[in-house]
Amino acid sequence: MFNLLLVSLGGGLGAVSRFLLGAKIQHRYPDPPFPVAMLTVNLLGSLGLGIFFGAFFGGIPIYEYNNPWFLLLGVGYFGAFTTFSTFSVEAVTLLHDAKYKKAFLYIVLSIAGSVAAFIAGIYWFI
């Protein structure tokens, strides 16, 4: 039960953080060429998760589902802060609107950028 509470607390904080940062970016850039708000959120979230794993665990933790920090931050906060579902909706919307170059750029930057950001974050500490 305590583990569920930790994931819920982290998830709530992560979702609110994502919303606030996304809204701030959208307010500043109301008509971006492609979805920069979620791209920024996903890149920052991947970097943050990498930093957390590197600093706290010294690498990628495996089977840490009893570790309260892993549940609170790794699963809860960063799991809710980043959003693959919104990325998918935005990518499909660009494809549907026949904005193929923008869709390709958004997809590549989101996936490759998130992986690169995670790697940079984790290797910052190990």
C-alpha atoms as a PDB file:
ATOM      1  CA  MET A   1       0.000   0.000   0.000  1.00  0.00           C
ATOM      2  CA  PHE A   2       2.864   2.380   0.857  1.00  0.00           C
ATOM      3  CA  ASN A   3       4.409   1.722  -2.587  1.00  0.00           C
ATOM      4  CA  LEU A   4       1.176   2.759  -4.299  1.00  0.00           C
ATOM      5  CA  LEU A   5       1.126   5.944  -2.257  1.00  0.00           C
ATOM      6  CA  LEU A   6       4.682   6.777  -3.329  1.00  0.00           C
ATOM      7  CA  VAL A   7       3.934   6.186  -7.014  1.00  0.00           C
ATOM      8  CA  SER A   8       0.711   8.202  -6.733  1.00  0.00           C
ATOM      9  CA  LEU A   9       2.413  11.122  -5.006  1.00  0.00           C
ATOM     10  CA  GLY A  10       5.279  11.176  -7.507  1.00  0.00           C
ATOM     11  CA  GLY A  11       2.886  10.756 -10.419  1.00  0.00           C
ATOM     12  CA  GLY A  12       0.687  13.608  -9.270  1.00  0.00           C
ATOM     13  CA  LEU A  13       3.661  15.926  -8.888  1.00  0.00           C
ATOM     14  CA  GLY A  14       5.058  14.850 -12.260  1.00  0.00           C
ATOM     15  CA  ALA A  15       1.767  15.386 -14.071  1.00  0.00           C
ATOM     16  CA  VAL A  16       1.283  18.827 -12.542  1.00  0.00           C
ATOM     17  CA  SER A  17       4.887  19.749 -13.388  1.00  0.00           C
ATOM     18  CA  ARG A  18       4.369  18.614 -16.988  1.00  0.00           C
ATOM     19  CA  PHE A  19       1.170  20.626 -17.273  1.00  0.00           C
ATOM     20  CA  LEU A  20       2.693  23.809 -15.828  1.00  0.00           C
ATOM     21  CA  LEU A  21       5.871  23.642 -17.912  1.00  0.00           C
ATOM     22  CA  GLY A  22       3.931  22.744 -21.067  1.00  0.00           C
ATOM     23  CA  ALA A  23       1.491  25.615 -20.509  1.00  0.00           C
ATOM     24  CA  LYS A  24       4.341  28.061 -19.907  1.00  0.00           C
ATOM     25  CA  ILE A  25       6.106  27.007 -23.106  1.00  0.00           C
ATOM     26  CA  GLN A  26       2.881  27.161 -25.125  1.00  0.00           C
ATOM     27  CA  HIS A  27       2.159  30.627 -23.749  1.00  0.00           C
ATOM     28  CA  ARG A  28       5.618  31.826 -24.726  1.00  0.00           C
ATOM     29  CA  TYR A  29       5.515  30.140 -28.157  1.00  0.00           C
ATOM     30  CA  PRO A  30       1.818  30.081 -29.125  1.00  0.00           C
ATOM     31  CA  ASP A  31       2.339  28.983 -32.742  1.00  0.00           C
ATOM     32  CA  PRO A  32       5.463  26.794 -32.881  1.00  0.00           C
ATOM     33  CA  PRO A  33       6.486  24.958 -36.069  1.00  0.00           C
ATOM     34  CA  PHE A  34       5.921  21.645 -34.267  1.00  0.00           C
ATOM     35  CA  PRO A  35       5.015  20.628 -30.688  1.00  0.00           C
ATOM     36  CA  VAL A  36       7.957  22.168 -28.801  1.00  0.00           C
ATOM     37  CA  ALA A  37       6.227  22.048 -25.405  1.00  0.00           C
ATOM     38  CA  MET A  38       6.018  18.260 -25.210  1.00  0.00           C
ATOM     39  CA  LEU A  39       9.364  17.861 -26.944  1.00  0.00           C
ATOM     40  CA  THR A  40      10.949  20.030 -24.259  1.00  0.00           C
ATOM     41  CA  VAL A  41       9.135  18.211 -21.459  1.00  0.00           C
ATOM     42  CA  ASN A  42      10.161  14.787 -22.768  1.00  0.00           C
ATOM     43  CA  LEU A  43      13.795  15.815 -23.277  1.00  0.00           C
ATOM     44  CA  LEU A  44      14.007  17.352 -19.794  1.00  0.00           C
ATOM     45  CA  GLY A  45      12.269  14.351 -18.244  1.00  0.00           C
ATOM     46  CA  SER A  46      14.650  11.920 -19.915  1.00  0.00           C
ATOM     47  CA  LEU A  47      17.639  13.976 -18.802  1.00  0.00           C
ATOM     48  CA  GLY A  48      16.237  14.184 -15.268  1.00  0.00           C
ATOM     49  CA  LEU A  49      15.611  10.447 -15.080  1.00  0.00           C
ATOM     50  CA  GLY A  50      19.143   9.779 -16.296  1.00  0.00           C
ATOM     51  CA  ILE A  51      20.581  12.163 -13.701  1.00  0.00           C
ATOM     52  CA  PHE A  52      18.498  10.533 -10.967  1.00  0.00           C
ATOM     53  CA  PHE A  53      19.553   7.013 -11.951  1.00  0.00           C
ATOM     54  CA  GLY A  54      23.201   7.988 -12.308  1.00  0.00           C
ATOM     55  CA  ALA A  55      23.402   9.985  -9.077  1.00  0.00           C
ATOM     56  CA  PHE A  56      21.317   7.704  -6.880  1.00  0.00           C
ATOM     57  CA  PHE A  57      21.948   4.235  -8.290  1.00  0.00           C
ATOM     58  CA  GLY A  58      25.183   4.653 -10.250  1.00  0.00           C
ATOM     59  CA  GLY A  59      23.509   3.138 -13.324  1.00  0.00           C
ATOM     60  CA  ILE A  60      20.214   1.790 -14.553  1.00  0.00           C
ATOM     61  CA  PRO A  61      18.456   0.083 -11.641  1.00  0.00           C
ATOM     62  CA  ILE A  62      16.872  -3.287 -12.250  1.00  0.00           C
ATOM     63  CA  TYR A  63      14.147  -4.725 -10.022  1.00  0.00           C
ATOM     64  CA  GLU A  64      14.092  -1.778  -7.620  1.00  0.00           C
ATOM     65  CA  TYR A  65      10.334  -1.928  -7.081  1.00  0.00           C
ATOM     66  CA  ASN A  66      10.827  -1.974  -3.317  1.00  0.00           C
ATOM     67  CA  ASN A  67      13.036   1.116  -3.261  1.00  0.00           C
ATOM     68  CA  PRO A  68      10.925   4.106  -2.187  1.00  0.00           C
ATOM     69  CA  TRP A  69      13.021   6.656  -4.143  1.00  0.00           C
ATOM     70  CA  PHE A  70      12.756   4.585  -7.319  1.00  0.00           C
ATOM     71  CA  LEU A  71       8.982   4.414  -6.900  1.00  0.00           C
ATOM     72  CA  LEU A  72       8.522   8.080  -5.989  1.00  0.00           C
ATOM     73  CA  LEU A  73      10.829   9.618  -8.586  1.00  0.00           C
ATOM     74  CA  GLY A  74      11.662   6.994 -11.205  1.00  0.00           C
ATOM     75  CA  VAL A  75       8.232   5.462 -11.668  1.00  0.00           C
ATOM     76  CA  GLY A  76       5.973   8.191 -10.283  1.00  0.00           C
ATOM     77  CA  TYR A  77       7.435  11.602 -11.012  1.00  0.00           C
ATOM     78  CA  PHE A  78       9.383  11.014 -14.211  1.00  0.00           C
ATOM     79  CA  GLY A  79       6.846   8.462 -15.453  1.00  0.00           C
ATOM     80  CA  ALA A  80       4.088  11.065 -15.254  1.00  0.00           C
ATOM     81  CA  PHE A  81       6.243  14.042 -16.253  1.00  0.00           C
ATOM     82  CA  THR A  82       7.190  12.518 -19.600  1.00  0.00           C
ATOM     83  CA  THR A  83       4.419  11.506 -21.958  1.00  0.00           C
ATOM     84  CA  PHE A  84       4.631   9.079 -24.824  1.00  0.00           C
ATOM     85  CA  SER A  85       0.882   9.213 -25.404  1.00  0.00           C
ATOM     86  CA  THR A  86       0.850  12.973 -26.064  1.00  0.00           C
ATOM     87  CA  PHE A  87       3.915  12.581 -28.274  1.00  0.00           C
ATOM     88  CA  SER A  88       2.013   9.945 -30.275  1.00  0.00           C
ATOM     89  CA  VAL A  89      -1.061  12.148 -30.682  1.00  0.00           C
ATOM     90  CA  GLU A  90       1.026  15.109 -31.824  1.00  0.00           C
ATOM     91  CA  ALA A  91       3.067  13.005 -34.265  1.00  0.00           C
ATOM     92  CA  VAL A  92      -0.056  11.438 -35.782  1.00  0.00           C
ATOM     93  CA  THR A  93      -1.705  14.871 -36.015  1.00  0.00           C
ATOM     94  CA  LEU A  94       1.259  16.211 -37.992  1.00  0.00           C
ATOM     95  CA  LEU A  95       1.104  13.174 -40.296  1.00  0.00           C
ATOM     96  CA  HIS A  96      -2.666  13.523 -40.685  1.00  0.00           C
ATOM     97  CA  ASP A  97      -2.206  17.189 -41.625  1.00  0.00           C
ATOM     98  CA  ALA A  98       0.358  16.113 -44.277  1.00  0.00           C
ATOM     99  CA  LYS A  99       3.169  17.966 -42.481  1.00  0.00           C
ATOM    100  CA  TYR A 100       5.569  15.120 -43.198  1.00  0.00           C
ATOM    101  CA  LYS A 101       8.855  16.977 -42.729  1.00  0.00           C
ATOM    102  CA  LYS A 102       7.718  18.444 -39.412  1.00  0.00           C
ATOM    103  CA  ALA A 103       6.411  15.055 -38.301  1.00  0.00           C
ATOM    104  CA  PHE A 104       9.681  13.352 -39.200  1.00  0.00           C
ATOM    105  CA  LEU A 105      11.707  16.027 -37.393  1.00  0.00           C
ATOM    106  CA  TYR A 106       9.453  15.851 -34.329  1.00  0.00           C
ATOM    107  CA  ILE A 107       9.605  12.054 -34.187  1.00  0.00           C
ATOM    108  CA  VAL A 108      13.379  11.895 -34.621  1.00  0.00           C
ATOM    109  CA  LEU A 109      14.065  14.714 -32.157  1.00  0.00           C
ATOM    110  CA  SER A 110      11.684  13.209 -29.607  1.00  0.00           C
ATOM    111  CA  ILE A 111      12.970   9.650 -29.733  1.00  0.00           C
ATOM    112  CA  ALA A 112      16.669  10.158 -30.437  1.00  0.00           C
ATOM    113  CA  GLY A 113      16.771  13.284 -28.292  1.00  0.00           C
ATOM    114  CA  SER A 114      15.144  11.583 -25.313  1.00  0.00           C
ATOM    115  CA  VAL A 115      17.523   8.631 -25.514  1.00  0.00           C
ATOM    116  CA  ALA A 116      20.517  10.963 -25.877  1.00  0.00           C
ATOM    117  CA  ALA A 117      19.313  13.118 -22.966  1.00  0.00           C
ATOM    118  CA  PHE A 118      18.906  10.041 -20.748  1.00  0.00           C
ATOM    119  CA  ILE A 119      22.385   8.808 -21.666  1.00  0.00           C
ATOM    120  CA  ALA A 120      23.880  12.243 -21.005  1.00  0.00           C
ATOM    121  CA  GLY A 121      22.136  12.394 -17.629  1.00  0.00           C
ATOM    122  CA  ILE A 122      23.154   8.950 -16.463  1.00  0.00           C
ATOM    123  CA  TYR A 123      26.767   9.277 -17.576  1.00  0.00           C
ATOM    124  CA  TRP A 124      27.023  12.670 -15.905  1.00  0.00           C
ATOM    125  CA  PHE A 125      27.409  10.736 -12.629  1.00  0.00           C
ATOM    126  CA  ILE A 126      28.928   7.380 -13.529  1.00  0.00           C
END
